[in-house]
Protein backbone atom coordinates (compact mmCIF):
# COMPACT_ATOMS: atom_id res chain seq x y z
CA MET A 1 -1.61 -16.32 14.00
CA HIS A 2 -1.22 -18.61 11.01
CA ASP A 3 1.73 -19.24 8.73
CA VAL A 4 -0.41 -19.43 5.57
CA VAL A 5 -3.96 -18.43 4.72
CA ILE A 6 -5.36 -19.27 1.29
CA ILE A 7 -8.34 -17.48 -0.23
CA GLY A 8 -10.11 -19.54 -2.88
CA SER A 9 -11.04 -23.19 -3.33
CA GLY A 10 -10.54 -23.87 -7.03
CA PRO A 11 -7.64 -25.89 -8.47
CA ALA A 12 -5.11 -23.19 -7.55
CA GLY A 13 -6.25 -22.77 -3.96
CA LEU A 14 -6.64 -26.48 -3.24
CA THR A 15 -3.28 -27.37 -4.78
CA ALA A 16 -1.65 -24.63 -2.73
CA ALA A 17 -3.31 -26.12 0.34
CA ILE A 18 -2.04 -29.63 -0.47
CA TYR A 19 1.55 -28.43 -0.84
CA ALA A 20 1.44 -26.09 2.16
CA ALA A 21 -0.04 -28.82 4.35
CA ARG A 22 2.60 -31.32 3.26
CA ALA A 23 5.21 -28.71 4.21
CA ASN A 24 3.75 -28.66 7.75
CA LEU A 25 2.54 -25.08 7.41
CA SER A 26 -0.94 -25.93 8.73
CA PRO A 27 -2.72 -23.82 6.10
CA VAL A 28 -6.17 -22.34 6.57
CA LEU A 29 -8.26 -22.16 3.41
CA VAL A 30 -11.26 -19.84 3.22
CA GLU A 31 -13.44 -21.54 0.64
CA GLY A 32 -16.42 -19.24 0.31
CA TRP A 33 -20.07 -20.24 0.52
CA GLN A 34 -19.90 -21.45 -3.09
CA SER A 35 -16.74 -23.52 -2.99
CA GLY A 36 -14.89 -25.29 -5.77
CA GLY A 37 -14.27 -22.58 -8.34
CA GLN A 38 -15.34 -22.62 -11.97
CA LEU A 39 -14.83 -26.38 -12.36
CA THR A 40 -17.94 -27.00 -10.28
CA THR A 41 -19.92 -25.68 -13.26
CA THR A 42 -18.04 -27.80 -15.80
CA THR A 43 -19.16 -31.22 -17.03
CA ASP A 44 -16.53 -33.51 -18.52
CA VAL A 45 -12.93 -32.46 -17.87
CA GLU A 46 -10.98 -34.31 -20.56
CA ASN A 47 -7.62 -32.53 -20.43
CA TYR A 48 -6.60 -32.85 -16.79
CA PRO A 49 -3.65 -35.28 -16.58
CA GLY A 50 -4.28 -38.61 -14.91
CA PHE A 51 -7.87 -39.13 -16.02
CA GLY A 52 -7.75 -41.01 -19.28
CA LYS A 53 -11.52 -41.28 -19.55
CA GLY A 54 -12.16 -37.78 -18.24
CA ILE A 55 -13.73 -36.72 -14.96
CA MET A 56 -16.65 -34.53 -13.99
CA GLY A 57 -15.59 -31.08 -12.82
CA PRO A 58 -17.36 -31.24 -9.44
CA GLU A 59 -15.90 -34.70 -8.79
CA LEU A 60 -12.37 -33.47 -9.53
CA MET A 61 -12.79 -30.60 -7.07
CA LYS A 62 -14.22 -32.97 -4.45
CA GLU A 63 -11.14 -35.19 -4.78
CA MET A 64 -8.77 -32.21 -4.52
CA ARG A 65 -10.54 -30.94 -1.40
CA SER A 66 -10.43 -34.38 0.20
CA GLN A 67 -6.71 -34.62 -0.51
CA ALA A 68 -6.00 -31.20 0.99
CA GLU A 69 -8.04 -32.08 4.07
CA ARG A 70 -6.25 -35.41 4.47
CA PHE A 71 -2.90 -33.64 4.75
CA GLY A 72 -4.18 -31.27 7.43
CA THR A 73 -5.65 -28.25 5.69
CA ARG A 74 -8.23 -26.49 7.85
CA PHE A 75 -11.22 -25.15 5.96
CA GLN A 76 -13.31 -22.16 6.87
CA THR A 77 -16.58 -21.63 5.03
CA GLY A 78 -17.52 -18.02 4.41
CA ASP A 79 -16.91 -15.11 2.09
CA VAL A 80 -13.88 -12.88 2.53
CA THR A 81 -15.26 -9.37 2.92
CA ALA A 82 -12.05 -7.44 3.61
CA VAL A 83 -8.31 -7.90 3.44
CA ASN A 84 -5.65 -5.66 5.00
CA ILE A 85 -2.16 -6.30 3.68
CA ARG A 86 -0.85 -2.80 4.41
CA LYS A 87 0.54 -3.94 7.76
CA ARG A 88 1.75 -7.16 9.36
CA PRO A 89 0.40 -9.57 10.26
CA PHE A 90 -1.99 -9.58 7.32
CA ALA A 91 -5.66 -9.58 8.30
CA VAL A 92 -8.42 -11.45 6.45
CA THR A 93 -12.01 -10.71 7.46
CA VAL A 94 -14.60 -13.43 6.83
CA ASP A 95 -18.32 -12.60 6.59
CA GLY A 96 -17.66 -9.16 8.03
CA GLU A 97 -16.84 -10.43 11.52
CA ARG A 98 -14.20 -13.15 11.83
CA VAL A 99 -10.64 -11.85 11.47
CA ILE A 100 -7.83 -14.26 10.62
CA GLU A 101 -4.23 -13.09 11.00
CA THR A 102 -1.48 -14.61 8.90
CA LYS A 103 2.20 -14.21 8.07
CA THR A 104 1.68 -15.06 4.38
CA LEU A 105 -1.32 -14.95 2.10
CA ILE A 106 -2.07 -16.91 -1.07
CA ILE A 107 -4.73 -15.35 -3.28
CA ALA A 108 -6.57 -17.83 -5.50
CA THR A 109 -9.89 -16.05 -5.93
CA GLY A 110 -10.20 -16.86 -9.64
CA ALA A 111 -12.35 -14.98 -12.13
CA SER A 112 -16.06 -14.48 -12.78
CA ALA A 113 -18.14 -14.48 -15.95
CA ILE A 114 -18.43 -11.14 -17.73
CA PRO A 115 -22.03 -10.06 -18.40
CA LEU A 116 -23.26 -8.54 -21.66
CA GLY A 117 -24.21 -5.37 -19.84
CA LEU A 118 -27.74 -5.18 -21.21
CA LYS A 119 -30.60 -3.65 -19.21
CA ASN A 120 -32.77 -6.76 -19.39
CA GLU A 121 -29.90 -9.13 -18.65
CA SER A 122 -29.83 -8.71 -14.88
CA ARG A 123 -33.63 -8.57 -14.72
CA LEU A 124 -33.93 -11.93 -16.46
CA ILE A 125 -31.06 -13.74 -14.73
CA GLY A 126 -32.50 -17.06 -13.60
CA ARG A 127 -35.47 -16.53 -15.91
CA GLY A 128 -33.78 -17.60 -19.09
CA VAL A 129 -30.46 -15.76 -18.83
CA SER A 130 -27.61 -17.87 -17.46
CA THR A 131 -23.82 -18.10 -17.34
CA CYS A 132 -23.76 -21.80 -16.46
CA ALA A 133 -25.02 -24.47 -18.84
CA THR A 134 -24.34 -27.29 -16.40
CA CYS A 135 -26.36 -25.51 -13.74
CA ASP A 136 -29.38 -24.62 -15.86
CA GLY A 137 -29.32 -26.68 -19.06
CA PHE A 138 -31.74 -29.29 -17.74
CA PHE A 139 -34.50 -26.68 -17.46
CA PHE A 140 -34.48 -26.11 -21.23
CA ARG A 141 -35.26 -29.59 -22.43
CA GLY A 142 -36.85 -29.45 -25.89
CA LYS A 143 -36.21 -25.69 -26.28
CA GLU A 144 -34.18 -23.51 -28.65
CA LEU A 145 -31.26 -21.68 -27.05
CA ILE A 146 -28.60 -19.05 -27.75
CA VAL A 147 -24.99 -19.10 -26.59
CA VAL A 148 -23.06 -15.84 -26.82
CA GLY A 149 -19.30 -16.10 -27.37
CA GLY A 150 -16.68 -17.82 -29.48
CA GLY A 151 -14.06 -19.22 -27.13
CA ASP A 152 -13.64 -22.62 -25.49
CA SER A 153 -16.16 -21.81 -22.77
CA ALA A 154 -18.85 -20.81 -25.25
CA ILE A 155 -18.38 -23.89 -27.42
CA GLU A 156 -18.30 -26.19 -24.40
CA GLU A 157 -21.55 -24.60 -23.18
CA ALA A 158 -23.14 -25.04 -26.62
CA ALA A 159 -22.11 -28.69 -26.87
CA PHE A 160 -23.45 -29.47 -23.41
CA LEU A 161 -26.75 -27.73 -24.10
CA THR A 162 -27.38 -29.93 -27.14
CA LYS A 163 -28.09 -32.73 -24.65
CA PHE A 164 -31.32 -30.91 -23.81
CA ALA A 165 -32.10 -28.32 -26.48
CA THR A 166 -33.49 -28.94 -29.95
CA LYS A 167 -31.24 -26.22 -31.38
CA VAL A 168 -28.35 -24.07 -30.10
CA SER A 169 -27.41 -20.89 -31.97
CA VAL A 170 -23.90 -19.61 -31.23
CA VAL A 171 -23.79 -15.84 -31.64
CA HIS A 172 -20.28 -14.50 -32.17
CA ARG A 173 -19.12 -10.98 -32.93
CA ARG A 174 -16.34 -12.21 -35.23
CA ASP A 175 -16.34 -14.33 -38.39
CA LYS A 176 -14.42 -17.21 -36.83
CA LEU A 177 -14.17 -18.92 -33.46
CA ARG A 178 -11.42 -18.43 -30.89
CA ALA A 179 -11.97 -21.90 -29.44
CA SER A 180 -9.37 -24.66 -29.70
CA LYS A 181 -9.32 -26.64 -32.95
CA ILE A 182 -10.66 -29.86 -31.42
CA MET A 183 -13.62 -28.06 -29.88
CA GLN A 184 -14.34 -26.21 -33.12
CA ASP A 185 -14.36 -29.46 -35.05
CA ARG A 186 -16.80 -31.05 -32.62
CA ALA A 187 -19.13 -28.07 -32.76
CA MET A 188 -19.08 -27.86 -36.54
CA LYS A 189 -20.07 -31.53 -36.77
CA ASN A 190 -22.90 -31.20 -34.26
CA GLU A 191 -26.16 -30.98 -36.19
CA LYS A 192 -27.87 -29.15 -33.35
CA ILE A 193 -25.38 -26.24 -33.35
CA THR A 194 -25.63 -23.34 -35.81
CA PHE A 195 -23.44 -20.24 -35.99
CA ILE A 196 -24.42 -16.61 -36.42
CA TRP A 197 -21.29 -14.67 -37.36
CA ASN A 198 -20.38 -10.98 -37.04
CA THR A 199 -23.30 -10.49 -34.72
CA VAL A 200 -23.97 -9.13 -31.24
CA VAL A 201 -26.94 -9.37 -28.90
CA GLU A 202 -28.41 -5.88 -28.73
CA ASP A 203 -31.31 -6.68 -26.43
CA ILE A 204 -32.89 -9.59 -24.54
CA LEU A 205 -36.59 -9.99 -25.12
CA GLY A 206 -39.20 -11.09 -22.63
CA THR A 207 -41.26 -9.75 -19.74
CA ASP A 208 -41.22 -12.48 -17.10
CA VAL A 209 -38.99 -14.98 -18.93
CA VAL A 210 -36.72 -14.86 -21.96
CA THR A 211 -38.59 -15.17 -25.23
CA GLY A 212 -35.84 -14.17 -27.65
CA ALA A 213 -32.93 -11.91 -28.51
CA ARG A 214 -32.55 -8.88 -30.73
CA LEU A 215 -29.46 -9.44 -32.84
CA LYS A 216 -27.43 -6.91 -34.80
CA ASN A 217 -25.03 -7.74 -37.60
CA ILE A 218 -22.04 -5.47 -36.98
CA VAL A 219 -21.06 -5.51 -40.66
CA THR A 220 -24.41 -4.66 -42.26
CA GLY A 221 -26.17 -3.11 -39.28
CA HIS A 222 -29.20 -5.32 -39.97
CA LYS A 223 -31.27 -6.27 -36.91
CA THR A 224 -33.35 -9.40 -36.40
CA ASP A 225 -35.31 -10.93 -33.53
CA LEU A 226 -34.46 -14.56 -32.86
CA PRO A 227 -36.94 -16.50 -30.67
CA CYS A 228 -35.40 -18.63 -27.93
CA ALA A 229 -36.13 -19.87 -24.42
CA GLY A 230 -32.73 -19.14 -22.96
CA ILE A 231 -29.53 -17.14 -23.48
CA PHE A 232 -26.24 -18.43 -22.10
CA VAL A 233 -23.53 -15.79 -21.82
CA ALA A 234 -19.94 -16.99 -22.30
CA ILE A 235 -17.92 -13.95 -23.43
CA GLY A 236 -15.09 -14.12 -20.97
CA HIS A 237 -14.14 -13.62 -17.37
CA ARG A 238 -13.08 -10.84 -15.00
CA PRO A 239 -10.55 -11.48 -12.20
CA ASN A 240 -11.95 -11.36 -8.68
CA THR A 241 -9.51 -8.77 -7.37
CA GLY A 242 -11.80 -6.08 -5.96
CA LEU A 243 -10.65 -6.78 -2.40
CA PHE A 244 -7.09 -5.84 -3.34
CA THR A 245 -7.68 -2.59 -5.23
CA GLY A 246 -5.16 -0.03 -4.02
CA GLN A 247 -3.16 -2.66 -2.14
CA LEU A 248 -1.63 -4.79 -4.90
CA LYS A 249 -0.30 -4.04 -8.37
CA MET A 250 -2.69 -5.04 -11.16
CA ASP A 251 -2.64 -4.86 -14.94
CA GLU A 252 -5.11 -2.86 -17.04
CA LYS A 253 -7.67 -5.68 -16.88
CA GLY A 254 -7.46 -6.08 -13.12
CA TYR A 255 -5.33 -9.23 -13.01
CA LEU A 256 -2.78 -9.37 -10.20
CA VAL A 257 0.77 -8.82 -11.42
CA THR A 258 3.24 -11.46 -10.26
CA SER A 259 7.00 -11.86 -10.63
CA HIS A 260 9.67 -14.38 -9.64
CA GLY A 261 7.05 -17.11 -9.60
CA THR A 262 3.87 -16.07 -7.80
CA ALA A 263 5.06 -13.08 -5.76
CA THR A 264 2.83 -10.02 -5.85
CA SER A 265 3.88 -6.42 -5.21
CA VAL A 266 3.63 -6.98 -1.43
CA PRO A 267 6.23 -9.31 0.11
CA GLY A 268 4.58 -12.35 1.65
CA VAL A 269 1.51 -12.15 -0.57
CA PHE A 270 1.29 -14.62 -3.46
CA ALA A 271 -1.24 -15.14 -6.25
CA ALA A 272 -2.16 -18.28 -8.20
CA GLY A 273 -4.62 -19.34 -10.86
CA ASP A 274 -6.99 -17.24 -12.95
CA VAL A 275 -6.69 -14.25 -10.63
CA GLN A 276 -3.24 -13.63 -12.15
CA ASP A 277 -3.46 -15.58 -15.42
CA SER A 278 -5.32 -14.04 -18.35
CA THR A 279 -3.56 -16.18 -20.96
CA TYR A 280 -3.88 -19.89 -20.21
CA ARG A 281 -6.77 -20.13 -17.73
CA GLN A 282 -6.73 -23.92 -17.52
CA ALA A 283 -7.30 -26.13 -14.50
CA VAL A 284 -3.87 -27.71 -14.86
CA THR A 285 -2.04 -24.36 -15.09
CA ALA A 286 -4.02 -23.07 -12.11
CA ALA A 287 -3.03 -26.14 -10.11
CA GLY A 288 0.60 -25.70 -11.16
CA SER A 289 0.66 -22.10 -10.02
CA GLY A 290 -0.99 -23.15 -6.74
CA CYS A 291 1.92 -25.51 -6.14
CA MET A 292 4.34 -22.66 -6.93
CA ALA A 293 2.56 -20.28 -4.55
CA ALA A 294 2.78 -22.74 -1.65
CA MET A 295 6.47 -23.33 -2.28
CA ASP A 296 7.08 -19.58 -2.61
CA ALA A 297 5.27 -18.96 0.68
CA GLU A 298 7.32 -21.65 2.42
CA ARG A 299 10.59 -20.19 1.12
CA TYR A 300 9.52 -16.71 2.16
CA LEU A 301 8.80 -17.88 5.72
CA GLU A 302 12.14 -19.70 5.87
CA SER A 303 14.17 -16.78 4.51
CA SER A 304 12.45 -14.22 6.75
CA GLY A 305 12.79 -16.41 9.84
CA GLU A 306 9.07 -16.21 10.51
CA ARG A 307 8.20 -19.89 10.26
CA ARG A 308 7.16 -21.12 13.71
CA GLY A 309 3.91 -23.03 12.99
CA ALA A 310 0.35 -21.88 13.43
CA SER A 311 -0.81 -20.98 16.91
CA GLY A 312 -4.48 -20.24 16.38
CA GLU A 313 -6.65 -17.49 15.05
CA GLY A 314 -6.08 -13.83 15.55
């Protein structure tokens, strides 16, 4: 049985691992088959402290993982398919077969991109529809593209895509952006970026690949077809909390509710990062809450008299 098991390998999970390992808790981190969290799909990270010239998202996550490993974190690659926190010890099932038992659990499963919900969207995923500019932007060199959304993620996607596309149209359902001022200013000055306000994507056009989008102005009701080679969806994220439905308290959007730091509604279970943060959703705040979760887990083990060190897998 382990003292601490961490689910998730983004900034929150890896920071929790670093702090738990340094506290001699011998943490086990289940990183998933696609490890690294959302930062692995981000290009230049300019606002993470300590990197004056910025750092690539994947490189930052690689450094965090290396640091956690250096202090003694044990990594298990696989997807968590079930969690039982109704009884002790807690049980985490990986890939439907391996069961890991633990005294405390840190949930850092993050959030996933929200789809538009259109019939043709899922059919054309990977054929012109994408949620990751850094993953797929290269394939649209010399093409015209659409980005859907108005927040930081959407504007970052649009800016990155201008490295390849001849034109990027940002479609936003409001008449102004929600992105930070500095990102707005950059986008407004970029000659390759245009804005289509008060508009939603009503349909995605194309049989085998994306050929365009049917747009609807929500003020006038007027519809137009805009040709494009790709549509990048950046309208927000949904917390990855499905494993904990009925076991942990959540808010109306599905985010885990925490109190007194990172404590969830079940003693000994802690949450960090975007899985419990719908407000800030930054790498640095996720890392900070990961630190808090590890310290909260250590204090819980000390106060409950359960800290004895890991003795293997259950």
